[in-house]
Amino acid sequence: MTETSGVVIGTPPRDAVRKMRSIGRPVHFMDVRIVDAKGNPLPPKRHGEIVVKGAAVMKSYYRNEAATKERIKDGWLHTGDVGTIDAEGYVRLVDRTKDLIKSGGEWISSIDVENVAMAHPAVAMAACIGMKHPKWDERPLLIVVKKPGAEVTREELLKFYEGRVAKWWIPDDVVFVEALPHTATGKLLKVKLREEFKHHQLPAA
């Protein structure tokens, strides 16, 4: 992050394979916690926001007191990332807080939904966003770019999810596009996707 200098979390080479799904554990002189919406620390394996504290974290935003108060609380930088910490202190990144999909009072990780789609041999890129739903608040919409020359239908892709995620995590619909928007640093522009597909009607909505 631009708000930190140097490495905050890293994986020792000896654990690179054993902890493949983790982004690592805090390095020396850095503290990492998972907290709830009120900033209270959560126990291992509970989903919450990742907050960091230590020598590598900035003190404030330049001439922006409002942003400083919003992001830095009691010395902890609130990253806006959602994750878990296991009993060994290894952190797993789940999603961005703004990209989580709230469905029926439960959270769906857009990253996990995207990763399943990316495992399909016909999929080149995938993005998952939340769409408003009259009953469930939000439901996932999967937006897919096919690999050149590959073919896959909506039904085939949705069936691919069976047994790989909880049934209620399976997207309600799939849209195929030629390309996905990205930032200059290569991150998916989900804000643009949410704007582009805000009027999309889910089949069961």
N, C-alpha and C. Protein backbone atom coordinates (compact mmCIF):
# COMPACT_ATOMS: atom_id res chain seq x y z
N MET A 1 0.84 -1.20 0.00
CA MET A 1 0.00 0.00 0.00
C MET A 1 0.88 1.25 0.00
N THR A 2 0.38 2.32 -0.59
CA THR A 2 1.13 3.58 -0.56
C THR A 2 1.18 4.14 0.86
N GLU A 3 0.26 3.70 1.73
CA GLU A 3 0.25 4.17 3.12
C GLU A 3 1.28 3.47 4.00
N THR A 4 1.94 2.45 3.45
CA THR A 4 2.99 1.75 4.19
C THR A 4 4.28 1.79 3.39
N SER A 5 5.39 1.65 4.08
CA SER A 5 6.69 1.69 3.42
C SER A 5 7.41 0.38 3.70
N GLY A 6 7.79 -0.33 2.65
CA GLY A 6 8.44 -1.60 2.85
C GLY A 6 7.42 -2.72 3.05
N VAL A 7 7.87 -3.86 3.51
CA VAL A 7 7.02 -5.03 3.67
C VAL A 7 6.33 -5.02 5.03
N VAL A 8 5.03 -5.27 5.03
CA VAL A 8 4.25 -5.39 6.27
C VAL A 8 3.99 -6.86 6.58
N ILE A 9 3.65 -7.61 5.53
CA ILE A 9 3.34 -9.03 5.66
C ILE A 9 4.15 -9.81 4.63
N GLY A 10 4.73 -10.92 5.05
CA GLY A 10 5.50 -11.73 4.12
C GLY A 10 5.48 -13.19 4.52
N THR A 11 5.77 -14.06 3.56
CA THR A 11 5.79 -15.50 3.81
C THR A 11 7.23 -16.03 3.78
N PRO A 12 7.72 -16.63 4.86
CA PRO A 12 9.04 -17.25 4.83
C PRO A 12 9.08 -18.34 3.77
N PRO A 13 10.20 -18.48 3.05
CA PRO A 13 10.31 -19.48 1.98
C PRO A 13 9.91 -20.89 2.43
N ARG A 14 10.19 -21.23 3.69
CA ARG A 14 9.89 -22.58 4.16
C ARG A 14 8.39 -22.87 4.21
N ASP A 15 7.57 -21.80 4.24
CA ASP A 15 6.11 -21.97 4.32
C ASP A 15 5.40 -21.60 3.03
N ALA A 16 6.15 -21.36 1.98
CA ALA A 16 5.55 -20.89 0.72
C ALA A 16 4.52 -21.86 0.16
N VAL A 17 4.79 -23.15 0.28
CA VAL A 17 3.87 -24.15 -0.24
C VAL A 17 2.78 -24.46 0.78
N ARG A 18 3.17 -24.63 2.03
CA ARG A 18 2.22 -25.00 3.08
C ARG A 18 1.16 -23.92 3.28
N LYS A 19 1.52 -22.68 3.05
CA LYS A 19 0.59 -21.56 3.26
C LYS A 19 0.31 -20.82 1.95
N MET A 20 0.05 -21.59 0.89
CA MET A 20 -0.13 -20.99 -0.44
C MET A 20 -1.30 -20.02 -0.50
N ARG A 21 -2.34 -20.25 0.29
CA ARG A 21 -3.53 -19.39 0.21
C ARG A 21 -3.39 -18.14 1.08
N SER A 22 -2.26 -18.03 1.79
CA SER A 22 -2.04 -16.90 2.68
C SER A 22 -1.13 -15.86 2.02
N ILE A 23 -1.26 -14.60 2.45
CA ILE A 23 -0.34 -13.57 1.97
C ILE A 23 0.85 -13.45 2.92
N GLY A 24 0.86 -14.26 3.99
CA GLY A 24 2.00 -14.27 4.90
C GLY A 24 1.65 -13.87 6.32
N ARG A 25 2.68 -13.58 7.10
CA ARG A 25 2.50 -13.15 8.47
C ARG A 25 3.25 -11.85 8.69
N PRO A 26 2.90 -11.07 9.73
CA PRO A 26 3.56 -9.78 9.95
C PRO A 26 5.07 -9.93 10.13
N VAL A 27 5.81 -9.01 9.53
CA VAL A 27 7.26 -8.99 9.70
C VAL A 27 7.59 -8.32 11.04
N HIS A 28 8.87 -8.31 11.41
CA HIS A 28 9.30 -7.71 12.67
C HIS A 28 8.89 -6.23 12.74
N PHE A 29 8.50 -5.80 13.91
CA PHE A 29 8.11 -4.41 14.19
C PHE A 29 6.78 -4.00 13.55
N MET A 30 6.03 -5.00 13.09
CA MET A 30 4.70 -4.70 12.54
C MET A 30 3.66 -5.57 13.24
N ASP A 31 2.50 -4.97 13.51
CA ASP A 31 1.37 -5.68 14.10
C ASP A 31 0.22 -5.69 13.10
N VAL A 32 -0.47 -6.80 13.02
CA VAL A 32 -1.64 -6.93 12.14
C VAL A 32 -2.78 -7.54 12.94
N ARG A 33 -3.96 -6.98 12.79
CA ARG A 33 -5.16 -7.50 13.45
C ARG A 33 -6.30 -7.64 12.45
N ILE A 34 -7.27 -8.46 12.83
CA ILE A 34 -8.55 -8.53 12.12
C ILE A 34 -9.58 -7.97 13.09
N VAL A 35 -10.33 -6.95 12.65
CA VAL A 35 -11.27 -6.30 13.56
C VAL A 35 -12.67 -6.28 12.96
N ASP A 36 -13.67 -6.11 13.84
CA ASP A 36 -15.05 -5.99 13.38
C ASP A 36 -15.35 -4.54 13.03
N ALA A 37 -16.61 -4.25 12.73
CA ALA A 37 -17.00 -2.91 12.28
C ALA A 37 -16.76 -1.84 13.34
N LYS A 38 -16.67 -2.26 14.62
CA LYS A 38 -16.42 -1.30 15.71
C LYS A 38 -14.96 -1.22 16.10
N GLY A 39 -14.11 -1.96 15.39
CA GLY A 39 -12.69 -1.93 15.68
C GLY A 39 -12.23 -2.93 16.73
N ASN A 40 -13.13 -3.82 17.14
CA ASN A 40 -12.77 -4.82 18.15
C ASN A 40 -12.03 -5.99 17.50
N PRO A 41 -10.92 -6.46 18.09
CA PRO A 41 -10.17 -7.59 17.54
C PRO A 41 -11.04 -8.85 17.48
N LEU A 42 -10.88 -9.61 16.40
CA LEU A 42 -11.63 -10.84 16.22
C LEU A 42 -10.71 -12.05 16.42
N PRO A 43 -11.26 -13.18 16.83
CA PRO A 43 -10.46 -14.39 17.04
C PRO A 43 -10.01 -14.99 15.72
N PRO A 44 -9.07 -15.95 15.75
CA PRO A 44 -8.59 -16.59 14.51
C PRO A 44 -9.71 -17.14 13.64
N LYS A 45 -9.51 -16.98 12.33
CA LYS A 45 -10.38 -17.50 11.28
C LYS A 45 -11.70 -16.75 11.13
N ARG A 46 -11.92 -15.69 11.92
CA ARG A 46 -13.11 -14.86 11.74
C ARG A 46 -12.81 -13.78 10.70
N HIS A 47 -13.77 -13.55 9.80
CA HIS A 47 -13.61 -12.52 8.77
C HIS A 47 -13.79 -11.13 9.37
N GLY A 48 -12.91 -10.21 8.98
CA GLY A 48 -13.03 -8.83 9.41
C GLY A 48 -12.06 -7.97 8.63
N GLU A 49 -11.99 -6.69 8.98
CA GLU A 49 -11.08 -5.78 8.27
C GLU A 49 -9.65 -5.96 8.78
N ILE A 50 -8.70 -5.93 7.85
CA ILE A 50 -7.29 -6.01 8.21
C ILE A 50 -6.79 -4.61 8.59
N VAL A 51 -6.23 -4.49 9.81
CA VAL A 51 -5.64 -3.23 10.26
C VAL A 51 -4.18 -3.50 10.61
N VAL A 52 -3.33 -2.51 10.35
CA VAL A 52 -1.89 -2.68 10.58
C VAL A 52 -1.34 -1.51 11.38
N LYS A 53 -0.27 -1.80 12.12
CA LYS A 53 0.34 -0.79 12.98
C LYS A 53 1.83 -1.07 13.10
N GLY A 54 2.66 -0.03 13.08
CA GLY A 54 4.09 -0.24 13.24
C GLY A 54 4.92 0.80 12.51
N ALA A 55 6.23 0.52 12.47
CA ALA A 55 7.18 1.50 11.94
C ALA A 55 6.97 1.79 10.45
N ALA A 56 6.36 0.88 9.72
CA ALA A 56 6.20 1.07 8.27
C ALA A 56 4.93 1.83 7.89
N VAL A 57 4.11 2.17 8.88
CA VAL A 57 2.83 2.83 8.60
C VAL A 57 2.97 4.34 8.71
N MET A 58 2.42 5.05 7.76
CA MET A 58 2.47 6.52 7.77
C MET A 58 1.74 7.07 8.99
N LYS A 59 2.06 8.31 9.34
CA LYS A 59 1.39 8.96 10.47
C LYS A 59 0.11 9.66 10.05
N SER A 60 0.11 10.20 8.83
CA SER A 60 -1.08 10.94 8.37
C SER A 60 -1.01 11.17 6.88
N TYR A 61 -2.15 11.55 6.30
CA TYR A 61 -2.20 12.00 4.92
C TYR A 61 -1.80 13.47 4.86
N TYR A 62 -1.06 13.82 3.85
CA TYR A 62 -0.58 15.19 3.72
C TYR A 62 -1.74 16.17 3.53
N ARG A 63 -1.87 17.06 4.49
CA ARG A 63 -2.89 18.12 4.45
C ARG A 63 -4.30 17.56 4.25
N ASN A 64 -4.59 16.43 4.81
CA ASN A 64 -5.92 15.84 4.69
C ASN A 64 -6.30 15.21 6.03
N GLU A 65 -6.74 16.05 6.93
CA GLU A 65 -7.07 15.59 8.28
C GLU A 65 -8.28 14.65 8.29
N ALA A 66 -9.25 14.90 7.42
CA ALA A 66 -10.45 14.07 7.38
C ALA A 66 -10.11 12.64 6.98
N ALA A 67 -9.28 12.49 5.96
CA ALA A 67 -8.88 11.15 5.52
C ALA A 67 -8.05 10.45 6.59
N THR A 68 -7.23 11.21 7.29
CA THR A 68 -6.41 10.64 8.36
C THR A 68 -7.28 10.08 9.47
N LYS A 69 -8.28 10.84 9.87
CA LYS A 69 -9.19 10.38 10.93
C LYS A 69 -10.00 9.16 10.50
N GLU A 70 -10.33 9.09 9.22
CA GLU A 70 -11.13 7.99 8.71
C GLU A 70 -10.32 6.69 8.64
N ARG A 71 -9.05 6.80 8.25
CA ARG A 71 -8.25 5.61 8.00
C ARG A 71 -7.35 5.21 9.16
N ILE A 72 -6.91 6.16 10.00
CA ILE A 72 -6.01 5.84 11.09
C ILE A 72 -6.70 6.09 12.43
N LYS A 73 -6.90 5.01 13.20
CA LYS A 73 -7.61 5.09 14.47
C LYS A 73 -6.79 4.41 15.55
N ASP A 74 -6.46 5.20 16.59
CA ASP A 74 -5.62 4.69 17.68
C ASP A 74 -4.31 4.12 17.17
N GLY A 75 -3.78 4.71 16.12
CA GLY A 75 -2.50 4.27 15.57
C GLY A 75 -2.60 3.13 14.57
N TRP A 76 -3.80 2.57 14.39
CA TRP A 76 -4.00 1.45 13.46
C TRP A 76 -4.49 1.98 12.11
N LEU A 77 -3.82 1.56 11.04
CA LEU A 77 -4.26 1.91 9.70
C LEU A 77 -5.30 0.90 9.23
N HIS A 78 -6.49 1.39 8.92
CA HIS A 78 -7.56 0.54 8.41
C HIS A 78 -7.38 0.42 6.89
N THR A 79 -7.05 -0.80 6.44
CA THR A 79 -6.66 -1.00 5.05
C THR A 79 -7.81 -1.03 4.06
N GLY A 80 -9.01 -1.36 4.55
CA GLY A 80 -10.13 -1.54 3.63
C GLY A 80 -10.18 -2.92 3.03
N ASP A 81 -9.23 -3.79 3.46
CA ASP A 81 -9.21 -5.18 3.01
C ASP A 81 -9.86 -6.07 4.06
N VAL A 82 -10.54 -7.09 3.61
CA VAL A 82 -11.16 -8.07 4.50
C VAL A 82 -10.33 -9.35 4.46
N GLY A 83 -10.10 -9.93 5.64
CA GLY A 83 -9.31 -11.15 5.69
C GLY A 83 -9.50 -11.92 6.97
N THR A 84 -8.67 -12.92 7.15
CA THR A 84 -8.66 -13.73 8.36
C THR A 84 -7.22 -13.93 8.80
N ILE A 85 -7.03 -14.28 10.07
CA ILE A 85 -5.72 -14.67 10.59
C ILE A 85 -5.89 -16.03 11.24
N ASP A 86 -4.99 -16.96 10.91
CA ASP A 86 -5.11 -18.28 11.53
C ASP A 86 -4.34 -18.33 12.84
N ALA A 87 -4.34 -19.48 13.48
CA ALA A 87 -3.71 -19.62 14.80
C ALA A 87 -2.20 -19.39 14.76
N GLU A 88 -1.58 -19.52 13.58
CA GLU A 88 -0.14 -19.31 13.44
C GLU A 88 0.20 -17.87 13.06
N GLY A 89 -0.83 -17.04 12.92
CA GLY A 89 -0.58 -15.65 12.58
C GLY A 89 -0.51 -15.36 11.10
N TYR A 90 -0.88 -16.33 10.25
CA TYR A 90 -0.86 -16.11 8.80
C TYR A 90 -2.17 -15.47 8.34
N VAL A 91 -2.03 -14.46 7.52
CA VAL A 91 -3.16 -13.66 7.05
C VAL A 91 -3.62 -14.15 5.68
N ARG A 92 -4.93 -14.28 5.53
CA ARG A 92 -5.51 -14.62 4.23
C ARG A 92 -6.38 -13.45 3.79
N LEU A 93 -6.13 -12.97 2.59
CA LEU A 93 -6.91 -11.87 2.03
C LEU A 93 -8.17 -12.41 1.40
N VAL A 94 -9.31 -11.87 1.81
CA VAL A 94 -10.61 -12.36 1.32
C VAL A 94 -11.20 -11.45 0.26
N ASP A 95 -11.18 -10.15 0.51
CA ASP A 95 -11.80 -9.21 -0.43
C ASP A 95 -11.56 -7.78 0.06
N ARG A 96 -11.99 -6.82 -0.76
CA ARG A 96 -12.08 -5.44 -0.33
C ARG A 96 -13.44 -5.24 0.33
N THR A 97 -13.50 -4.40 1.38
CA THR A 97 -14.77 -4.18 2.06
C THR A 97 -15.84 -3.68 1.09
N LYS A 98 -15.45 -2.84 0.14
CA LYS A 98 -16.43 -2.26 -0.78
C LYS A 98 -16.86 -3.25 -1.86
N ASP A 99 -16.13 -4.38 -2.00
CA ASP A 99 -16.46 -5.35 -3.04
C ASP A 99 -17.18 -6.58 -2.51
N LEU A 100 -17.27 -6.72 -1.18
CA LEU A 100 -18.02 -7.83 -0.62
C LEU A 100 -19.49 -7.72 -1.02
N ILE A 101 -20.13 -8.86 -1.21
CA ILE A 101 -21.53 -8.88 -1.61
C ILE A 101 -22.35 -9.37 -0.43
N LYS A 102 -23.28 -8.55 0.04
CA LYS A 102 -24.12 -8.92 1.18
C LYS A 102 -25.42 -9.53 0.68
N SER A 103 -25.59 -10.82 0.95
CA SER A 103 -26.76 -11.55 0.46
C SER A 103 -27.45 -12.25 1.62
N GLY A 104 -28.67 -11.82 1.91
CA GLY A 104 -29.43 -12.45 2.98
C GLY A 104 -28.76 -12.34 4.34
N GLY A 105 -28.04 -11.25 4.57
CA GLY A 105 -27.38 -11.04 5.85
C GLY A 105 -26.01 -11.70 5.95
N GLU A 106 -25.58 -12.40 4.91
CA GLU A 106 -24.27 -13.06 4.90
C GLU A 106 -23.40 -12.44 3.80
N TRP A 107 -22.08 -12.59 3.98
CA TRP A 107 -21.14 -12.01 3.03
C TRP A 107 -20.67 -13.03 2.01
N ILE A 108 -20.55 -12.60 0.76
CA ILE A 108 -19.98 -13.41 -0.31
C ILE A 108 -18.71 -12.71 -0.80
N SER A 109 -17.62 -13.45 -0.87
CA SER A 109 -16.36 -12.88 -1.36
C SER A 109 -16.35 -12.86 -2.89
N SER A 110 -16.27 -11.67 -3.45
CA SER A 110 -16.23 -11.56 -4.91
C SER A 110 -14.96 -12.20 -5.47
N ILE A 111 -13.87 -12.12 -4.71
CA ILE A 111 -12.61 -12.71 -5.17
C ILE A 111 -12.73 -14.22 -5.29
N ASP A 112 -13.34 -14.87 -4.29
CA ASP A 112 -13.49 -16.32 -4.34
C ASP A 112 -14.38 -16.75 -5.51
N VAL A 113 -15.43 -15.98 -5.77
CA VAL A 113 -16.31 -16.28 -6.90
C VAL A 113 -15.55 -16.13 -8.22
N GLU A 114 -14.73 -15.09 -8.31
CA GLU A 114 -13.92 -14.87 -9.52
C GLU A 114 -12.89 -15.98 -9.72
N ASN A 115 -12.28 -16.42 -8.63
CA ASN A 115 -11.25 -17.45 -8.74
C ASN A 115 -11.80 -18.77 -9.28
N VAL A 116 -13.04 -19.11 -8.89
CA VAL A 116 -13.65 -20.32 -9.42
C VAL A 116 -13.85 -20.19 -10.93
N ALA A 117 -14.36 -19.04 -11.36
CA ALA A 117 -14.57 -18.83 -12.80
C ALA A 117 -13.25 -18.90 -13.56
N MET A 118 -12.19 -18.34 -12.98
CA MET A 118 -10.89 -18.33 -13.64
C MET A 118 -10.30 -19.73 -13.78
N ALA A 119 -10.79 -20.67 -12.97
CA ALA A 119 -10.32 -22.05 -13.07
C ALA A 119 -10.93 -22.79 -14.25
N HIS A 120 -11.98 -22.23 -14.84
CA HIS A 120 -12.61 -22.86 -16.00
C HIS A 120 -11.71 -22.68 -17.23
N PRO A 121 -11.48 -23.71 -18.01
CA PRO A 121 -10.55 -23.61 -19.15
C PRO A 121 -10.94 -22.63 -20.24
N ALA A 122 -12.21 -22.22 -20.27
CA ALA A 122 -12.64 -21.30 -21.32
C ALA A 122 -12.61 -19.84 -20.89
N VAL A 123 -12.28 -19.58 -19.62
CA VAL A 123 -12.35 -18.22 -19.08
C VAL A 123 -10.97 -17.57 -19.03
N ALA A 124 -10.87 -16.39 -19.63
CA ALA A 124 -9.62 -15.63 -19.60
C ALA A 124 -9.58 -14.68 -18.41
N MET A 125 -10.69 -13.99 -18.17
CA MET A 125 -10.79 -13.05 -17.05
C MET A 125 -12.21 -13.06 -16.51
N ALA A 126 -12.35 -12.71 -15.22
CA ALA A 126 -13.68 -12.68 -14.62
C ALA A 126 -13.75 -11.62 -13.53
N ALA A 127 -14.91 -11.04 -13.39
CA ALA A 127 -15.17 -10.07 -12.33
C ALA A 127 -16.55 -10.36 -11.75
N CYS A 128 -16.68 -10.20 -10.45
CA CYS A 128 -17.96 -10.44 -9.78
C CYS A 128 -18.37 -9.18 -9.02
N ILE A 129 -19.59 -8.74 -9.24
CA ILE A 129 -20.11 -7.55 -8.55
C ILE A 129 -21.48 -7.88 -7.95
N GLY A 130 -21.85 -7.11 -6.96
CA GLY A 130 -23.15 -7.30 -6.33
C GLY A 130 -24.23 -6.49 -7.02
N MET A 131 -25.38 -7.12 -7.26
CA MET A 131 -26.52 -6.45 -7.86
C MET A 131 -27.66 -6.40 -6.84
N LYS A 132 -28.38 -5.31 -6.83
CA LYS A 132 -29.49 -5.16 -5.89
C LYS A 132 -30.54 -6.24 -6.15
N HIS A 133 -31.07 -6.77 -5.04
CA HIS A 133 -32.08 -7.82 -5.14
C HIS A 133 -33.20 -7.51 -4.15
N PRO A 134 -34.47 -7.61 -4.56
CA PRO A 134 -35.59 -7.24 -3.68
C PRO A 134 -35.71 -8.10 -2.43
N LYS A 135 -35.22 -9.32 -2.46
CA LYS A 135 -35.35 -10.22 -1.31
C LYS A 135 -34.05 -10.37 -0.54
N TRP A 136 -32.92 -10.50 -1.25
CA TRP A 136 -31.65 -10.85 -0.62
C TRP A 136 -30.69 -9.67 -0.47
N ASP A 137 -31.14 -8.45 -0.72
CA ASP A 137 -30.31 -7.23 -0.68
C ASP A 137 -29.40 -7.16 -1.91
N GLU A 138 -28.50 -8.16 -2.02
CA GLU A 138 -27.62 -8.22 -3.18
C GLU A 138 -27.44 -9.67 -3.61
N ARG A 139 -27.17 -9.86 -4.90
CA ARG A 139 -26.82 -11.17 -5.42
C ARG A 139 -25.67 -10.99 -6.42
N PRO A 140 -24.79 -12.00 -6.54
CA PRO A 140 -23.64 -11.85 -7.43
C PRO A 140 -23.95 -11.96 -8.92
N LEU A 141 -23.33 -11.06 -9.67
CA LEU A 141 -23.37 -11.10 -11.13
C LEU A 141 -21.94 -11.36 -11.59
N LEU A 142 -21.74 -12.36 -12.42
CA LEU A 142 -20.42 -12.71 -12.93
C LEU A 142 -20.25 -12.14 -14.33
N ILE A 143 -19.15 -11.41 -14.54
CA ILE A 143 -18.85 -10.82 -15.84
C ILE A 143 -17.58 -11.48 -16.36
N VAL A 144 -17.66 -12.06 -17.55
CA VAL A 144 -16.60 -12.95 -18.04
C VAL A 144 -16.08 -12.55 -19.41
N VAL A 145 -14.76 -12.68 -19.55
CA VAL A 145 -14.10 -12.57 -20.86
C VAL A 145 -13.62 -13.97 -21.23
N LYS A 146 -14.06 -14.49 -22.37
CA LYS A 146 -13.65 -15.83 -22.80
C LYS A 146 -12.24 -15.80 -23.41
N LYS A 147 -11.57 -16.93 -23.32
CA LYS A 147 -10.29 -17.08 -24.00
C LYS A 147 -10.53 -17.10 -25.52
N PRO A 148 -9.58 -16.60 -26.30
CA PRO A 148 -9.75 -16.59 -27.77
C PRO A 148 -10.05 -17.99 -28.31
N GLY A 149 -11.14 -18.08 -29.05
CA GLY A 149 -11.53 -19.35 -29.66
C GLY A 149 -12.27 -20.30 -28.75
N ALA A 150 -12.39 -19.96 -27.45
CA ALA A 150 -13.07 -20.85 -26.50
C ALA A 150 -14.55 -20.53 -26.45
N GLU A 151 -15.35 -21.53 -26.11
CA GLU A 151 -16.78 -21.35 -25.97
C GLU A 151 -17.26 -21.95 -24.65
N VAL A 152 -18.14 -21.23 -24.00
CA VAL A 152 -18.78 -21.71 -22.78
C VAL A 152 -20.09 -20.95 -22.62
N THR A 153 -21.13 -21.63 -22.20
CA THR A 153 -22.43 -20.99 -22.02
C THR A 153 -22.62 -20.56 -20.56
N ARG A 154 -23.63 -19.74 -20.36
CA ARG A 154 -23.99 -19.31 -19.01
C ARG A 154 -24.28 -20.52 -18.14
N GLU A 155 -25.06 -21.46 -18.66
CA GLU A 155 -25.47 -22.63 -17.89
C GLU A 155 -24.27 -23.51 -17.53
N GLU A 156 -23.35 -23.69 -18.47
CA GLU A 156 -22.16 -24.50 -18.22
C GLU A 156 -21.29 -23.88 -17.14
N LEU A 157 -21.16 -22.58 -17.19
CA LEU A 157 -20.31 -21.89 -16.21
C LEU A 157 -20.92 -21.94 -14.81
N LEU A 158 -22.23 -21.77 -14.71
CA LEU A 158 -22.88 -21.83 -13.40
C LEU A 158 -22.81 -23.25 -12.84
N LYS A 159 -22.92 -24.24 -13.68
CA LYS A 159 -22.81 -25.64 -13.23
C LYS A 159 -21.40 -25.93 -12.73
N PHE A 160 -20.42 -25.25 -13.28
CA PHE A 160 -19.02 -25.43 -12.89
C PHE A 160 -18.81 -25.07 -11.40
N TYR A 161 -19.67 -24.22 -10.87
CA TYR A 161 -19.56 -23.80 -9.46
C TYR A 161 -20.04 -24.87 -8.48
N GLU A 162 -20.86 -25.79 -8.94
CA GLU A 162 -21.44 -26.78 -8.04
C GLU A 162 -20.35 -27.63 -7.39
N GLY A 163 -20.40 -27.69 -6.05
CA GLY A 163 -19.41 -28.44 -5.30
C GLY A 163 -18.14 -27.68 -5.02
N ARG A 164 -17.99 -26.50 -5.61
CA ARG A 164 -16.79 -25.70 -5.40
C ARG A 164 -17.00 -24.56 -4.41
N VAL A 165 -18.23 -24.09 -4.30
CA VAL A 165 -18.60 -23.05 -3.33
C VAL A 165 -19.96 -23.40 -2.74
N ALA A 166 -20.32 -22.71 -1.67
CA ALA A 166 -21.67 -22.89 -1.11
C ALA A 166 -22.70 -22.56 -2.18
N LYS A 167 -23.81 -23.26 -2.18
CA LYS A 167 -24.82 -23.09 -3.22
C LYS A 167 -25.28 -21.65 -3.35
N TRP A 168 -25.41 -20.97 -2.21
CA TRP A 168 -25.91 -19.59 -2.27
C TRP A 168 -24.85 -18.58 -2.72
N TRP A 169 -23.60 -19.06 -2.91
CA TRP A 169 -22.54 -18.21 -3.47
C TRP A 169 -22.57 -18.23 -5.00
N ILE A 170 -23.24 -19.20 -5.59
CA ILE A 170 -23.25 -19.31 -7.05
C ILE A 170 -23.93 -18.08 -7.65
N PRO A 171 -23.29 -17.42 -8.63
CA PRO A 171 -23.88 -16.21 -9.23
C PRO A 171 -25.28 -16.45 -9.78
N ASP A 172 -26.09 -15.42 -9.74
CA ASP A 172 -27.44 -15.50 -10.28
C ASP A 172 -27.44 -15.38 -11.81
N ASP A 173 -26.38 -14.77 -12.35
CA ASP A 173 -26.35 -14.58 -13.79
C ASP A 173 -24.91 -14.40 -14.25
N VAL A 174 -24.69 -14.62 -15.56
CA VAL A 174 -23.38 -14.45 -16.18
C VAL A 174 -23.54 -13.56 -17.41
N VAL A 175 -22.64 -12.61 -17.55
CA VAL A 175 -22.61 -11.74 -18.73
C VAL A 175 -21.24 -11.89 -19.39
N PHE A 176 -21.23 -12.07 -20.69
CA PHE A 176 -19.97 -12.21 -21.43
C PHE A 176 -19.64 -10.89 -22.12
N VAL A 177 -18.39 -10.43 -21.94
CA VAL A 177 -17.94 -9.16 -22.52
C VAL A 177 -16.62 -9.38 -23.26
N GLU A 178 -16.24 -8.40 -24.06
CA GLU A 178 -14.98 -8.48 -24.81
C GLU A 178 -13.77 -8.15 -23.95
N ALA A 179 -13.95 -7.27 -22.97
CA ALA A 179 -12.84 -6.85 -22.12
C ALA A 179 -13.37 -6.30 -20.80
N LEU A 180 -12.52 -6.28 -19.79
CA LEU A 180 -12.86 -5.71 -18.49
C LEU A 180 -12.03 -4.45 -18.25
N PRO A 181 -12.61 -3.43 -17.61
CA PRO A 181 -11.86 -2.20 -17.36
C PRO A 181 -10.85 -2.37 -16.21
N HIS A 182 -9.68 -1.78 -16.38
CA HIS A 182 -8.63 -1.85 -15.37
C HIS A 182 -8.05 -0.46 -15.10
N THR A 183 -7.45 -0.31 -13.92
CA THR A 183 -6.74 0.92 -13.59
C THR A 183 -5.36 0.86 -14.24
N ALA A 184 -4.60 1.94 -14.11
CA ALA A 184 -3.25 1.99 -14.68
C ALA A 184 -2.33 0.96 -14.04
N THR A 185 -2.65 0.55 -12.81
CA THR A 185 -1.83 -0.44 -12.11
C THR A 185 -2.35 -1.86 -12.28
N GLY A 186 -3.38 -2.03 -13.13
CA GLY A 186 -3.86 -3.37 -13.44
C GLY A 186 -4.99 -3.89 -12.58
N LYS A 187 -5.52 -3.07 -11.67
CA LYS A 187 -6.62 -3.51 -10.82
C LYS A 187 -7.95 -3.38 -11.56
N LEU A 188 -8.85 -4.30 -11.28
CA LEU A 188 -10.18 -4.24 -11.89
C LEU A 188 -10.92 -3.00 -11.43
N LEU A 189 -11.53 -2.31 -12.38
CA LEU A 189 -12.32 -1.11 -12.05
C LEU A 189 -13.76 -1.54 -11.79
N LYS A 190 -14.01 -2.04 -10.60
CA LYS A 190 -15.36 -2.53 -10.29
C LYS A 190 -16.37 -1.39 -10.15
N VAL A 191 -15.89 -0.21 -9.82
CA VAL A 191 -16.78 0.95 -9.76
C VAL A 191 -17.40 1.18 -11.14
N LYS A 192 -16.57 1.07 -12.17
CA LYS A 192 -17.06 1.27 -13.53
C LYS A 192 -18.01 0.15 -13.94
N LEU A 193 -17.70 -1.10 -13.51
CA LEU A 193 -18.58 -2.22 -13.83
C LEU A 193 -19.93 -2.08 -13.14
N ARG A 194 -19.92 -1.64 -11.88
CA ARG A 194 -21.19 -1.45 -11.17
C ARG A 194 -22.04 -0.38 -11.84
N GLU A 195 -21.39 0.65 -12.36
CA GLU A 195 -22.12 1.71 -13.06
C GLU A 195 -22.67 1.19 -14.39
N GLU A 196 -21.84 0.43 -15.11
CA GLU A 196 -22.23 -0.07 -16.43
C GLU A 196 -23.39 -1.05 -16.35
N PHE A 197 -23.42 -1.87 -15.29
CA PHE A 197 -24.42 -2.92 -15.20
C PHE A 197 -25.49 -2.64 -14.12
N LYS A 198 -25.61 -1.40 -13.70
CA LYS A 198 -26.56 -1.06 -12.63
C LYS A 198 -28.02 -1.34 -13.01
N HIS A 199 -28.31 -1.37 -14.29
CA HIS A 199 -29.69 -1.64 -14.72
C HIS A 199 -29.89 -3.08 -15.18
N HIS A 200 -28.88 -3.90 -14.98
CA HIS A 200 -28.99 -5.32 -15.40
C HIS A 200 -30.03 -6.02 -14.52
N GLN A 201 -30.92 -6.75 -15.16
CA GLN A 201 -31.98 -7.46 -14.44
C GLN A 201 -31.59 -8.91 -14.21
N LEU A 202 -31.43 -9.30 -12.96
CA LEU A 202 -31.13 -10.69 -12.65
C LEU A 202 -32.34 -11.57 -12.95
N PRO A 203 -32.14 -12.79 -13.42
CA PRO A 203 -33.26 -13.66 -13.79
C PRO A 203 -34.28 -13.89 -12.68
N ALA A 204 -33.80 -14.00 -11.42
CA ALA A 204 -34.72 -14.30 -10.32
C ALA A 204 -35.14 -13.08 -9.52
N ALA A 205 -34.71 -11.91 -9.96
CA ALA A 205 -35.03 -10.69 -9.19
C ALA A 205 -36.43 -10.17 -9.52
